[in-house]
Structure formats: structure tokens, C-alpha cells
mmCIF file of all heavy atoms, coordinates in Angstrom:
data_MODEL
# 
_entry.id   MODEL 
# 
loop_
_atom_site.group_PDB 
_atom_site.id 
_atom_site.type_symbol 
_atom_site.label_atom_id 
_atom_site.label_alt_id 
_atom_site.label_comp_id 
_atom_site.label_asym_id 
_atom_site.label_entity_id 
_atom_site.label_seq_id 
_atom_site.pdbx_PDB_ins_code 
_atom_site.Cartn_x 
_atom_site.Cartn_y 
_atom_site.Cartn_z 
_atom_site.occupancy 
_atom_site.B_iso_or_equiv 
_atom_site.pdbx_formal_charge 
_atom_site.auth_seq_id 
_atom_site.auth_comp_id 
_atom_site.auth_asym_id 
_atom_site.auth_atom_id 
_atom_site.pdbx_PDB_model_num 
ATOM 1   N N   . MET A 1 1  ? 33.395 33.012 56.474 1.00 0.00 ? 1  MET A N   1 
ATOM 2   C CA  . MET A 1 1  ? 32.484 32.121 57.225 1.00 0.00 ? 1  MET A CA  1 
ATOM 3   C C   . MET A 1 1  ? 31.623 31.424 56.157 1.00 0.00 ? 1  MET A C   1 
ATOM 4   O O   . MET A 1 1  ? 31.074 32.029 55.226 1.00 0.00 ? 1  MET A O   1 
ATOM 5   C CB  . MET A 1 1  ? 31.641 33.003 58.164 1.00 0.00 ? 1  MET A CB  1 
ATOM 6   C CG  . MET A 1 1  ? 30.660 32.095 58.907 1.00 0.00 ? 1  MET A CG  1 
ATOM 7   S SD  . MET A 1 1  ? 29.426 33.005 59.774 1.00 0.00 ? 1  MET A SD  1 
ATOM 8   C CE  . MET A 1 1  ? 30.215 33.494 61.240 1.00 0.00 ? 1  MET A CE  1 
ATOM 9   N N   . VAL A 1 2  ? 31.443 30.124 56.389 1.00 0.00 ? 2  VAL A N   1 
ATOM 10  C CA  . VAL A 1 2  ? 30.612 29.339 55.508 1.00 0.00 ? 2  VAL A CA  1 
ATOM 11  C C   . VAL A 1 2  ? 29.187 29.225 56.029 1.00 0.00 ? 2  VAL A C   1 
ATOM 12  O O   . VAL A 1 2  ? 29.060 28.869 57.170 1.00 0.00 ? 2  VAL A O   1 
ATOM 13  C CB  . VAL A 1 2  ? 31.313 27.896 55.335 1.00 0.00 ? 2  VAL A CB  1 
ATOM 14  C CG1 . VAL A 1 2  ? 30.418 27.049 54.446 1.00 0.00 ? 2  VAL A CG1 1 
ATOM 15  C CG2 . VAL A 1 2  ? 32.650 28.021 54.741 1.00 0.00 ? 2  VAL A CG2 1 
ATOM 16  N N   . THR A 1 3  ? 28.219 29.409 55.230 1.00 0.00 ? 3  THR A N   1 
ATOM 17  C CA  . THR A 1 3  ? 26.846 29.314 55.633 1.00 0.00 ? 3  THR A CA  1 
ATOM 18  C C   . THR A 1 3  ? 26.471 27.860 55.646 1.00 0.00 ? 3  THR A C   1 
ATOM 19  O O   . THR A 1 3  ? 26.989 27.055 54.874 1.00 0.00 ? 3  THR A O   1 
ATOM 20  C CB  . THR A 1 3  ? 25.902 30.128 54.742 1.00 0.00 ? 3  THR A CB  1 
ATOM 21  O OG1 . THR A 1 3  ? 25.965 29.585 53.453 1.00 0.00 ? 3  THR A OG1 1 
ATOM 22  C CG2 . THR A 1 3  ? 26.279 31.562 54.754 1.00 0.00 ? 3  THR A CG2 1 
ATOM 23  N N   . PRO A 1 4  ? 25.472 27.466 56.396 1.00 0.00 ? 4  PRO A N   1 
ATOM 24  C CA  . PRO A 1 4  ? 25.005 26.043 56.369 1.00 0.00 ? 4  PRO A CA  1 
ATOM 25  C C   . PRO A 1 4  ? 24.581 25.574 55.031 1.00 0.00 ? 4  PRO A C   1 
ATOM 26  O O   . PRO A 1 4  ? 24.839 24.436 54.563 1.00 0.00 ? 4  PRO A O   1 
ATOM 27  C CB  . PRO A 1 4  ? 23.869 26.045 57.324 1.00 0.00 ? 4  PRO A CB  1 
ATOM 28  C CG  . PRO A 1 4  ? 24.100 27.163 58.246 1.00 0.00 ? 4  PRO A CG  1 
ATOM 29  C CD  . PRO A 1 4  ? 24.789 28.217 57.440 1.00 0.00 ? 4  PRO A CD  1 
ATOM 30  N N   . ALA A 1 5  ? 23.922 26.427 54.224 1.00 0.00 ? 5  ALA A N   1 
ATOM 31  C CA  . ALA A 1 5  ? 23.477 26.056 52.890 1.00 0.00 ? 5  ALA A CA  1 
ATOM 32  C C   . ALA A 1 5  ? 24.640 25.705 51.961 1.00 0.00 ? 5  ALA A C   1 
ATOM 33  O O   . ALA A 1 5  ? 24.647 24.761 51.219 1.00 0.00 ? 5  ALA A O   1 
ATOM 34  C CB  . ALA A 1 5  ? 22.668 27.182 52.278 1.00 0.00 ? 5  ALA A CB  1 
ATOM 35  N N   . VAL A 1 6  ? 25.710 26.557 52.035 1.00 0.00 ? 6  VAL A N   1 
ATOM 36  C CA  . VAL A 1 6  ? 26.899 26.250 51.251 1.00 0.00 ? 6  VAL A CA  1 
ATOM 37  C C   . VAL A 1 6  ? 27.582 24.959 51.708 1.00 0.00 ? 6  VAL A C   1 
ATOM 38  O O   . VAL A 1 6  ? 28.039 24.180 50.824 1.00 0.00 ? 6  VAL A O   1 
ATOM 39  C CB  . VAL A 1 6  ? 27.885 27.469 51.326 1.00 0.00 ? 6  VAL A CB  1 
ATOM 40  C CG1 . VAL A 1 6  ? 29.203 27.172 50.612 1.00 0.00 ? 6  VAL A CG1 1 
ATOM 41  C CG2 . VAL A 1 6  ? 27.243 28.695 50.704 1.00 0.00 ? 6  VAL A CG2 1 
ATOM 42  N N   . TYR A 1 7  ? 27.678 24.747 52.988 1.00 0.00 ? 7  TYR A N   1 
ATOM 43  C CA  . TYR A 1 7  ? 28.291 23.572 53.488 1.00 0.00 ? 7  TYR A CA  1 
ATOM 44  C C   . TYR A 1 7  ? 27.532 22.299 53.054 1.00 0.00 ? 7  TYR A C   1 
ATOM 45  O O   . TYR A 1 7  ? 28.147 21.348 52.566 1.00 0.00 ? 7  TYR A O   1 
ATOM 46  C CB  . TYR A 1 7  ? 28.343 23.634 55.031 1.00 0.00 ? 7  TYR A CB  1 
ATOM 47  C CG  . TYR A 1 7  ? 28.940 22.370 55.710 1.00 0.00 ? 7  TYR A CG  1 
ATOM 48  C CD1 . TYR A 1 7  ? 30.278 22.082 55.585 1.00 0.00 ? 7  TYR A CD1 1 
ATOM 49  C CD2 . TYR A 1 7  ? 28.098 21.508 56.375 1.00 0.00 ? 7  TYR A CD2 1 
ATOM 50  C CE1 . TYR A 1 7  ? 30.792 20.969 56.159 1.00 0.00 ? 7  TYR A CE1 1 
ATOM 51  C CE2 . TYR A 1 7  ? 28.594 20.377 56.958 1.00 0.00 ? 7  TYR A CE2 1 
ATOM 52  C CZ  . TYR A 1 7  ? 29.975 20.072 56.821 1.00 0.00 ? 7  TYR A CZ  1 
ATOM 53  O OH  . TYR A 1 7  ? 30.442 19.001 57.467 1.00 0.00 ? 7  TYR A OH  1 
ATOM 54  N N   . PHE A 1 8  ? 26.207 22.335 53.192 1.00 0.00 ? 8  PHE A N   1 
ATOM 55  C CA  . PHE A 1 8  ? 25.417 21.160 52.788 1.00 0.00 ? 8  PHE A CA  1 
ATOM 56  C C   . PHE A 1 8  ? 25.469 20.958 51.258 1.00 0.00 ? 8  PHE A C   1 
ATOM 57  O O   . PHE A 1 8  ? 25.400 19.852 50.798 1.00 0.00 ? 8  PHE A O   1 
ATOM 58  C CB  . PHE A 1 8  ? 24.044 21.204 53.288 1.00 0.00 ? 8  PHE A CB  1 
ATOM 59  C CG  . PHE A 1 8  ? 23.911 20.803 54.697 1.00 0.00 ? 8  PHE A CG  1 
ATOM 60  C CD1 . PHE A 1 8  ? 23.924 21.706 55.845 1.00 0.00 ? 8  PHE A CD1 1 
ATOM 61  C CD2 . PHE A 1 8  ? 23.848 19.464 55.087 1.00 0.00 ? 8  PHE A CD2 1 
ATOM 62  C CE1 . PHE A 1 8  ? 23.856 21.310 57.063 1.00 0.00 ? 8  PHE A CE1 1 
ATOM 63  C CE2 . PHE A 1 8  ? 23.809 19.031 56.377 1.00 0.00 ? 8  PHE A CE2 1 
ATOM 64  C CZ  . PHE A 1 8  ? 23.837 19.941 57.380 1.00 0.00 ? 8  PHE A CZ  1 
ATOM 65  N N   . GLU A 1 9  ? 25.475 22.048 50.485 1.00 0.00 ? 9  GLU A N   1 
ATOM 66  C CA  . GLU A 1 9  ? 25.618 21.936 49.048 1.00 0.00 ? 9  GLU A CA  1 
ATOM 67  C C   . GLU A 1 9  ? 26.915 21.235 48.649 1.00 0.00 ? 9  GLU A C   1 
ATOM 68  O O   . GLU A 1 9  ? 26.946 20.413 47.779 1.00 0.00 ? 9  GLU A O   1 
ATOM 69  C CB  . GLU A 1 9  ? 25.532 23.299 48.383 1.00 0.00 ? 9  GLU A CB  1 
ATOM 70  C CG  . GLU A 1 9  ? 25.533 23.270 46.889 1.00 0.00 ? 9  GLU A CG  1 
ATOM 71  C CD  . GLU A 1 9  ? 25.275 24.592 46.312 1.00 0.00 ? 9  GLU A CD  1 
ATOM 72  O OE1 . GLU A 1 9  ? 25.002 25.561 46.992 1.00 0.00 ? 9  GLU A OE1 1 
ATOM 73  O OE2 . GLU A 1 9  ? 25.453 24.707 45.060 1.00 0.00 ? 9  GLU A OE2 1 
ATOM 74  N N   . PHE A 1 10 ? 28.017 21.627 49.355 1.00 0.00 ? 10 PHE A N   1 
ATOM 75  C CA  . PHE A 1 10 ? 29.302 20.949 49.157 1.00 0.00 ? 10 PHE A CA  1 
ATOM 76  C C   . PHE A 1 10 ? 29.225 19.522 49.454 1.00 0.00 ? 10 PHE A C   1 
ATOM 77  O O   . PHE A 1 10 ? 29.704 18.631 48.725 1.00 0.00 ? 10 PHE A O   1 
ATOM 78  C CB  . PHE A 1 10 ? 30.378 21.572 50.027 1.00 0.00 ? 10 PHE A CB  1 
ATOM 79  C CG  . PHE A 1 10 ? 31.644 20.855 50.077 1.00 0.00 ? 10 PHE A CG  1 
ATOM 80  C CD1 . PHE A 1 10 ? 32.560 20.812 49.029 1.00 0.00 ? 10 PHE A CD1 1 
ATOM 81  C CD2 . PHE A 1 10 ? 31.937 20.125 51.198 1.00 0.00 ? 10 PHE A CD2 1 
ATOM 82  C CE1 . PHE A 1 10 ? 33.740 20.088 49.104 1.00 0.00 ? 10 PHE A CE1 1 
ATOM 83  C CE2 . PHE A 1 10 ? 33.139 19.377 51.301 1.00 0.00 ? 10 PHE A CE2 1 
ATOM 84  C CZ  . PHE A 1 10 ? 34.013 19.376 50.286 1.00 0.00 ? 10 PHE A CZ  1 
ATOM 85  N N   . LEU A 1 11 ? 28.605 19.139 50.624 1.00 0.00 ? 11 LEU A N   1 
ATOM 86  C CA  . LEU A 1 11 ? 28.470 17.724 50.970 1.00 0.00 ? 11 LEU A CA  1 
ATOM 87  C C   . LEU A 1 11 ? 27.649 16.954 49.957 1.00 0.00 ? 11 LEU A C   1 
ATOM 88  O O   . LEU A 1 11 ? 27.998 15.842 49.563 1.00 0.00 ? 11 LEU A O   1 
ATOM 89  C CB  . LEU A 1 11 ? 27.835 17.570 52.352 1.00 0.00 ? 11 LEU A CB  1 
ATOM 90  C CG  . LEU A 1 11 ? 28.684 17.976 53.538 1.00 0.00 ? 11 LEU A CG  1 
ATOM 91  C CD1 . LEU A 1 11 ? 27.865 17.831 54.874 1.00 0.00 ? 11 LEU A CD1 1 
ATOM 92  C CD2 . LEU A 1 11 ? 29.947 17.156 53.589 1.00 0.00 ? 11 LEU A CD2 1 
ATOM 93  N N   . GLU A 1 12 ? 26.563 17.596 49.465 1.00 0.00 ? 12 GLU A N   1 
ATOM 94  C CA  . GLU A 1 12 ? 25.729 16.919 48.474 1.00 0.00 ? 12 GLU A CA  1 
ATOM 95  C C   . GLU A 1 12 ? 26.471 16.698 47.165 1.00 0.00 ? 12 GLU A C   1 
ATOM 96  O O   . GLU A 1 12 ? 26.338 15.636 46.589 1.00 0.00 ? 12 GLU A O   1 
ATOM 97  C CB  . GLU A 1 12 ? 24.500 17.757 48.207 1.00 0.00 ? 12 GLU A CB  1 
ATOM 98  C CG  . GLU A 1 12 ? 23.470 17.776 49.396 1.00 0.00 ? 12 GLU A CG  1 
ATOM 99  C CD  . GLU A 1 12 ? 22.361 18.706 49.144 1.00 0.00 ? 12 GLU A CD  1 
ATOM 100 O OE1 . GLU A 1 12 ? 22.179 19.266 48.059 1.00 0.00 ? 12 GLU A OE1 1 
ATOM 101 O OE2 . GLU A 1 12 ? 21.621 18.990 50.164 1.00 0.00 ? 12 GLU A OE2 1 
ATOM 102 N N   . LEU A 1 13 ? 27.238 17.652 46.735 1.00 0.00 ? 13 LEU A N   1 
ATOM 103 C CA  . LEU A 1 13 ? 27.954 17.492 45.487 1.00 0.00 ? 13 LEU A CA  1 
ATOM 104 C C   . LEU A 1 13 ? 29.162 16.620 45.609 1.00 0.00 ? 13 LEU A C   1 
ATOM 105 O O   . LEU A 1 13 ? 29.478 15.825 44.659 1.00 0.00 ? 13 LEU A O   1 
ATOM 106 C CB  . LEU A 1 13 ? 28.358 18.927 45.004 1.00 0.00 ? 13 LEU A CB  1 
ATOM 107 C CG  . LEU A 1 13 ? 27.300 19.808 44.573 1.00 0.00 ? 13 LEU A CG  1 
ATOM 108 C CD1 . LEU A 1 13 ? 27.869 21.199 44.268 1.00 0.00 ? 13 LEU A CD1 1 
ATOM 109 C CD2 . LEU A 1 13 ? 26.539 19.305 43.353 1.00 0.00 ? 13 LEU A CD2 1 
ATOM 110 N N   . GLN A 1 14 ? 29.927 16.636 46.670 1.00 0.00 ? 14 GLN A N   1 
ATOM 111 C CA  . GLN A 1 14 ? 31.165 15.988 46.718 1.00 0.00 ? 14 GLN A CA  1 
ATOM 112 C C   . GLN A 1 14 ? 31.083 14.561 47.462 1.00 0.00 ? 14 GLN A C   1 
ATOM 113 O O   . GLN A 1 14 ? 31.877 13.686 47.073 1.00 0.00 ? 14 GLN A O   1 
ATOM 114 C CB  . GLN A 1 14 ? 32.254 16.816 47.388 1.00 0.00 ? 14 GLN A CB  1 
ATOM 115 C CG  . GLN A 1 14 ? 32.516 18.066 46.683 1.00 0.00 ? 14 GLN A CG  1 
ATOM 116 C CD  . GLN A 1 14 ? 33.222 17.809 45.359 1.00 0.00 ? 14 GLN A CD  1 
ATOM 117 O OE1 . GLN A 1 14 ? 34.011 16.951 45.205 1.00 0.00 ? 14 GLN A OE1 1 
ATOM 118 N NE2 . GLN A 1 14 ? 32.831 18.606 44.372 1.00 0.00 ? 14 GLN A NE2 1 
ATOM 119 N N   . HIS A 1 15 ? 30.285 14.445 48.443 1.00 0.00 ? 15 HIS A N   1 
ATOM 120 C CA  . HIS A 1 15 ? 30.412 13.267 49.303 1.00 0.00 ? 15 HIS A CA  1 
ATOM 121 C C   . HIS A 1 15 ? 29.037 12.586 49.563 1.00 0.00 ? 15 HIS A C   1 
ATOM 122 O O   . HIS A 1 15 ? 28.881 11.758 50.500 1.00 0.00 ? 15 HIS A O   1 
ATOM 123 C CB  . HIS A 1 15 ? 30.925 13.663 50.652 1.00 0.00 ? 15 HIS A CB  1 
ATOM 124 C CG  . HIS A 1 15 ? 32.275 14.311 50.604 1.00 0.00 ? 15 HIS A CG  1 
ATOM 125 N ND1 . HIS A 1 15 ? 33.441 13.554 50.276 1.00 0.00 ? 15 HIS A ND1 1 
ATOM 126 C CD2 . HIS A 1 15 ? 32.677 15.563 50.793 1.00 0.00 ? 15 HIS A CD2 1 
ATOM 127 C CE1 . HIS A 1 15 ? 34.453 14.370 50.247 1.00 0.00 ? 15 HIS A CE1 1 
ATOM 128 N NE2 . HIS A 1 15 ? 34.070 15.620 50.594 1.00 0.00 ? 15 HIS A NE2 1 
ATOM 129 N N   . LYS A 1 16 ? 28.027 12.855 48.706 1.00 0.00 ? 16 LYS A N   1 
ATOM 130 C CA  . LYS A 1 16 ? 26.645 12.298 48.915 1.00 0.00 ? 16 LYS A CA  1 
ATOM 131 C C   . LYS A 1 16 ? 26.706 10.770 48.926 1.00 0.00 ? 16 LYS A C   1 
ATOM 132 O O   . LYS A 1 16 ? 26.124 10.133 49.798 1.00 0.00 ? 16 LYS A O   1 
ATOM 133 C CB  . LYS A 1 16 ? 25.765 12.826 47.905 1.00 0.00 ? 16 LYS A CB  1 
ATOM 134 C CG  . LYS A 1 16 ? 24.286 12.478 48.079 1.00 0.00 ? 16 LYS A CG  1 
ATOM 135 C CD  . LYS A 1 16 ? 23.475 13.168 47.052 1.00 0.00 ? 16 LYS A CD  1 
ATOM 136 C CE  . LYS A 1 16 ? 21.996 13.087 47.415 1.00 0.00 ? 16 LYS A CE  1 
ATOM 137 N NZ  . LYS A 1 16 ? 21.137 13.899 46.556 1.00 0.00 ? 16 LYS A NZ  1 
ATOM 138 N N   . VAL A 1 17 ? 27.306 10.150 47.974 1.00 0.00 ? 17 VAL A N   1 
ATOM 139 C CA  . VAL A 1 17 ? 27.308 8.716  47.801 1.00 0.00 ? 17 VAL A CA  1 
ATOM 140 C C   . VAL A 1 17 ? 28.085 8.052  48.980 1.00 0.00 ? 17 VAL A C   1 
ATOM 141 O O   . VAL A 1 17 ? 27.657 7.111  49.594 1.00 0.00 ? 17 VAL A O   1 
ATOM 142 C CB  . VAL A 1 17 ? 27.860 8.216  46.458 1.00 0.00 ? 17 VAL A CB  1 
ATOM 143 C CG1 . VAL A 1 17 ? 28.005 6.758  46.343 1.00 0.00 ? 17 VAL A CG1 1 
ATOM 144 C CG2 . VAL A 1 17 ? 26.967 8.773  45.355 1.00 0.00 ? 17 VAL A CG2 1 
ATOM 145 N N   . GLU A 1 18 ? 29.310 8.623  49.232 1.00 0.00 ? 18 GLU A N   1 
ATOM 146 C CA  . GLU A 1 18 ? 30.121 8.103  50.308 1.00 0.00 ? 18 GLU A CA  1 
ATOM 147 C C   . GLU A 1 18 ? 29.461 8.163  51.645 1.00 0.00 ? 18 GLU A C   1 
ATOM 148 O O   . GLU A 1 18 ? 29.441 7.161  52.410 1.00 0.00 ? 18 GLU A O   1 
ATOM 149 C CB  . GLU A 1 18 ? 31.478 8.869  50.344 1.00 0.00 ? 18 GLU A CB  1 
ATOM 150 C CG  . GLU A 1 18 ? 32.449 8.328  51.390 1.00 0.00 ? 18 GLU A CG  1 
ATOM 151 C CD  . GLU A 1 18 ? 33.694 9.135  51.392 1.00 0.00 ? 18 GLU A CD  1 
ATOM 152 O OE1 . GLU A 1 18 ? 33.866 10.068 50.575 1.00 0.00 ? 18 GLU A OE1 1 
ATOM 153 O OE2 . GLU A 1 18 ? 34.568 8.873  52.250 1.00 0.00 ? 18 GLU A OE2 1 
ATOM 154 N N   . LEU A 1 19 ? 28.845 9.309  52.000 1.00 0.00 ? 19 LEU A N   1 
ATOM 155 C CA  . LEU A 1 19 ? 28.137 9.424  53.217 1.00 0.00 ? 19 LEU A CA  1 
ATOM 156 C C   . LEU A 1 19 ? 26.944 8.537  53.276 1.00 0.00 ? 19 LEU A C   1 
ATOM 157 O O   . LEU A 1 19 ? 26.577 8.024  54.373 1.00 0.00 ? 19 LEU A O   1 
ATOM 158 C CB  . LEU A 1 19 ? 27.699 10.912 53.469 1.00 0.00 ? 19 LEU A CB  1 
ATOM 159 C CG  . LEU A 1 19 ? 28.819 11.823 53.799 1.00 0.00 ? 19 LEU A CG  1 
ATOM 160 C CD1 . LEU A 1 19 ? 28.378 13.280 53.787 1.00 0.00 ? 19 LEU A CD1 1 
ATOM 161 C CD2 . LEU A 1 19 ? 29.493 11.492 55.078 1.00 0.00 ? 19 LEU A CD2 1 
ATOM 162 N N   . HIS A 1 20 ? 26.241 8.303  52.178 1.00 0.00 ? 20 HIS A N   1 
ATOM 163 C CA  . HIS A 1 20 ? 25.057 7.405  52.188 1.00 0.00 ? 20 HIS A CA  1 
ATOM 164 C C   . HIS A 1 20 ? 25.541 5.999  52.447 1.00 0.00 ? 20 HIS A C   1 
ATOM 165 O O   . HIS A 1 20 ? 24.927 5.239  53.177 1.00 0.00 ? 20 HIS A O   1 
ATOM 166 C CB  . HIS A 1 20 ? 24.340 7.481  50.850 1.00 0.00 ? 20 HIS A CB  1 
ATOM 167 C CG  . HIS A 1 20 ? 23.127 6.590  50.778 1.00 0.00 ? 20 HIS A CG  1 
ATOM 168 N ND1 . HIS A 1 20 ? 23.244 5.311  50.275 1.00 0.00 ? 20 HIS A ND1 1 
ATOM 169 C CD2 . HIS A 1 20 ? 21.910 6.736  51.181 1.00 0.00 ? 20 HIS A CD2 1 
ATOM 170 C CE1 . HIS A 1 20 ? 22.041 4.716  50.341 1.00 0.00 ? 20 HIS A CE1 1 
ATOM 171 N NE2 . HIS A 1 20 ? 21.187 5.556  50.927 1.00 0.00 ? 20 HIS A NE2 1 
ATOM 172 N N   . ASN A 1 21 ? 26.651 5.563  51.837 1.00 0.00 ? 21 ASN A N   1 
ATOM 173 C CA  . ASN A 1 21 ? 27.182 4.211  52.069 1.00 0.00 ? 21 ASN A CA  1 
ATOM 174 C C   . ASN A 1 21 ? 27.652 4.032  53.527 1.00 0.00 ? 21 ASN A C   1 
ATOM 175 O O   . ASN A 1 21 ? 27.443 2.973  54.096 1.00 0.00 ? 21 ASN A O   1 
ATOM 176 C CB  . ASN A 1 21 ? 28.403 3.954  51.158 1.00 0.00 ? 21 ASN A CB  1 
ATOM 177 C CG  . ASN A 1 21 ? 27.918 3.804  49.735 1.00 0.00 ? 21 ASN A CG  1 
ATOM 178 O OD1 . ASN A 1 21 ? 26.764 3.471  49.437 1.00 0.00 ? 21 ASN A OD1 1 
ATOM 179 N ND2 . ASN A 1 21 ? 28.839 4.011  48.838 1.00 0.00 ? 21 ASN A ND2 1 
ATOM 180 N N   . LEU A 1 22 ? 28.169 5.121  54.116 1.00 0.00 ? 22 LEU A N   1 
ATOM 181 C CA  . LEU A 1 22 ? 28.686 4.963  55.532 1.00 0.00 ? 22 LEU A CA  1 
ATOM 182 C C   . LEU A 1 22 ? 27.566 5.006  56.544 1.00 0.00 ? 22 LEU A C   1 
ATOM 183 O O   . LEU A 1 22 ? 27.577 4.299  57.540 1.00 0.00 ? 22 LEU A O   1 
ATOM 184 C CB  . LEU A 1 22 ? 29.627 6.094  55.847 1.00 0.00 ? 22 LEU A CB  1 
ATOM 185 C CG  . LEU A 1 22 ? 30.984 6.030  55.145 1.00 0.00 ? 22 LEU A CG  1 
ATOM 186 C CD1 . LEU A 1 22 ? 31.771 7.344  55.381 1.00 0.00 ? 22 LEU A CD1 1 
ATOM 187 C CD2 . LEU A 1 22 ? 31.834 4.827  55.689 1.00 0.00 ? 22 LEU A CD2 1 
ATOM 188 N N   . THR A 1 23 ? 26.559 5.889  56.329 1.00 0.00 ? 23 THR A N   1 
ATOM 189 C CA  . THR A 1 23 ? 25.512 6.060  57.312 1.00 0.00 ? 23 THR A CA  1 
ATOM 190 C C   . THR A 1 23 ? 24.165 5.537  56.987 1.00 0.00 ? 23 THR A C   1 
ATOM 191 O O   . THR A 1 23 ? 23.295 5.346  57.864 1.00 0.00 ? 23 THR A O   1 
ATOM 192 C CB  . THR A 1 23 ? 25.363 7.645  57.633 1.00 0.00 ? 23 THR A CB  1 
ATOM 193 O OG1 . THR A 1 23 ? 24.897 8.241  56.432 1.00 0.00 ? 23 THR A OG1 1 
ATOM 194 C CG2 . THR A 1 23 ? 26.639 8.222  58.030 1.00 0.00 ? 23 THR A CG2 1 
ATOM 195 N N   . GLY A 1 24 ? 23.896 5.322  55.686 1.00 0.00 ? 24 GLY A N   1 
ATOM 196 C CA  . GLY A 1 24 ? 22.627 4.846  55.288 1.00 0.00 ? 24 GLY A CA  1 
ATOM 197 C C   . GLY A 1 24 ? 21.597 5.973  55.159 1.00 0.00 ? 24 GLY A C   1 
ATOM 198 O O   . GLY A 1 24 ? 20.464 5.759  54.938 1.00 0.00 ? 24 GLY A O   1 
ATOM 199 N N   . ARG A 1 25 ? 22.061 7.162  55.282 1.00 0.00 ? 25 ARG A N   1 
ATOM 200 C CA  . ARG A 1 25 ? 21.229 8.363  55.175 1.00 0.00 ? 25 ARG A CA  1 
ATOM 201 C C   . ARG A 1 25 ? 21.680 9.327  54.017 1.00 0.00 ? 25 ARG A C   1 
ATOM 202 O O   . ARG A 1 25 ? 22.804 9.333  53.711 1.00 0.00 ? 25 ARG A O   1 
ATOM 203 C CB  . ARG A 1 25 ? 21.233 9.216  56.485 1.00 0.00 ? 25 ARG A CB  1 
ATOM 204 C CG  . ARG A 1 25 ? 20.688 8.514  57.597 1.00 0.00 ? 25 ARG A CG  1 
ATOM 205 C CD  . ARG A 1 25 ? 20.785 9.365  58.889 1.00 0.00 ? 25 ARG A CD  1 
ATOM 206 N NE  . ARG A 1 25 ? 20.267 8.603  60.013 1.00 0.00 ? 25 ARG A NE  1 
ATOM 207 C CZ  . ARG A 1 25 ? 19.240 9.074  60.819 1.00 0.00 ? 25 ARG A CZ  1 
ATOM 208 N NH1 . ARG A 1 25 ? 18.767 10.205 60.550 1.00 0.00 ? 25 ARG A NH1 1 
ATOM 209 N NH2 . ARG A 1 25 ? 18.867 8.356  61.756 1.00 0.00 ? 25 ARG A NH2 1 
ATOM 210 N N   . VAL A 1 26 ? 20.699 9.965  53.452 1.00 0.00 ? 26 VAL A N   1 
ATOM 211 C CA  . VAL A 1 26 ? 21.007 10.874 52.378 1.00 0.00 ? 26 VAL A CA  1 
ATOM 212 C C   . VAL A 1 26 ? 21.240 12.255 52.970 1.00 0.00 ? 26 VAL A C   1 
ATOM 213 O O   . VAL A 1 26 ? 20.448 12.733 53.806 1.00 0.00 ? 26 VAL A O   1 
ATOM 214 C CB  . VAL A 1 26 ? 19.798 10.939 51.337 1.00 0.00 ? 26 VAL A CB  1 
ATOM 215 C CG1 . VAL A 1 26 ? 20.075 11.984 50.291 1.00 0.00 ? 26 VAL A CG1 1 
ATOM 216 C CG2 . VAL A 1 26 ? 19.534 9.581  50.770 1.00 0.00 ? 26 VAL A CG2 1 
ATOM 217 N N   . VAL A 1 27 ? 22.365 12.916 52.500 1.00 0.00 ? 27 VAL A N   1 
ATOM 218 C CA  . VAL A 1 27 ? 22.647 14.227 52.995 1.00 0.00 ? 27 VAL A CA  1 
ATOM 219 C C   . VAL A 1 27 ? 21.758 15.200 52.326 1.00 0.00 ? 27 VAL A C   1 
ATOM 220 O O   . VAL A 1 27 ? 21.695 15.321 51.136 1.00 0.00 ? 27 VAL A O   1 
ATOM 221 C CB  . VAL A 1 27 ? 24.149 14.567 52.763 1.00 0.00 ? 27 VAL A CB  1 
ATOM 222 C CG1 . VAL A 1 27 ? 24.446 16.027 53.087 1.00 0.00 ? 27 VAL A CG1 1 
ATOM 223 C CG2 . VAL A 1 27 ? 25.054 13.619 53.412 1.00 0.00 ? 27 VAL A CG2 1 
# 
């Protein structure tokens, strides 16, 4: 089971720029 902190750390490390470009928000 993945904890929310680990999931968001993954998003921050791997997809931060892409998600910011798509949504205009910082993960």
C-alpha cells in the first residue's frame, strides 16, 4: 500500500513540471 506522502513525493520528483504545464498548479 502506498501512503499519500510517498505518492505525492513521486509526483513531485517525476511529474512536477508536466503537471504544472497541464494544470497551472504546483503539485
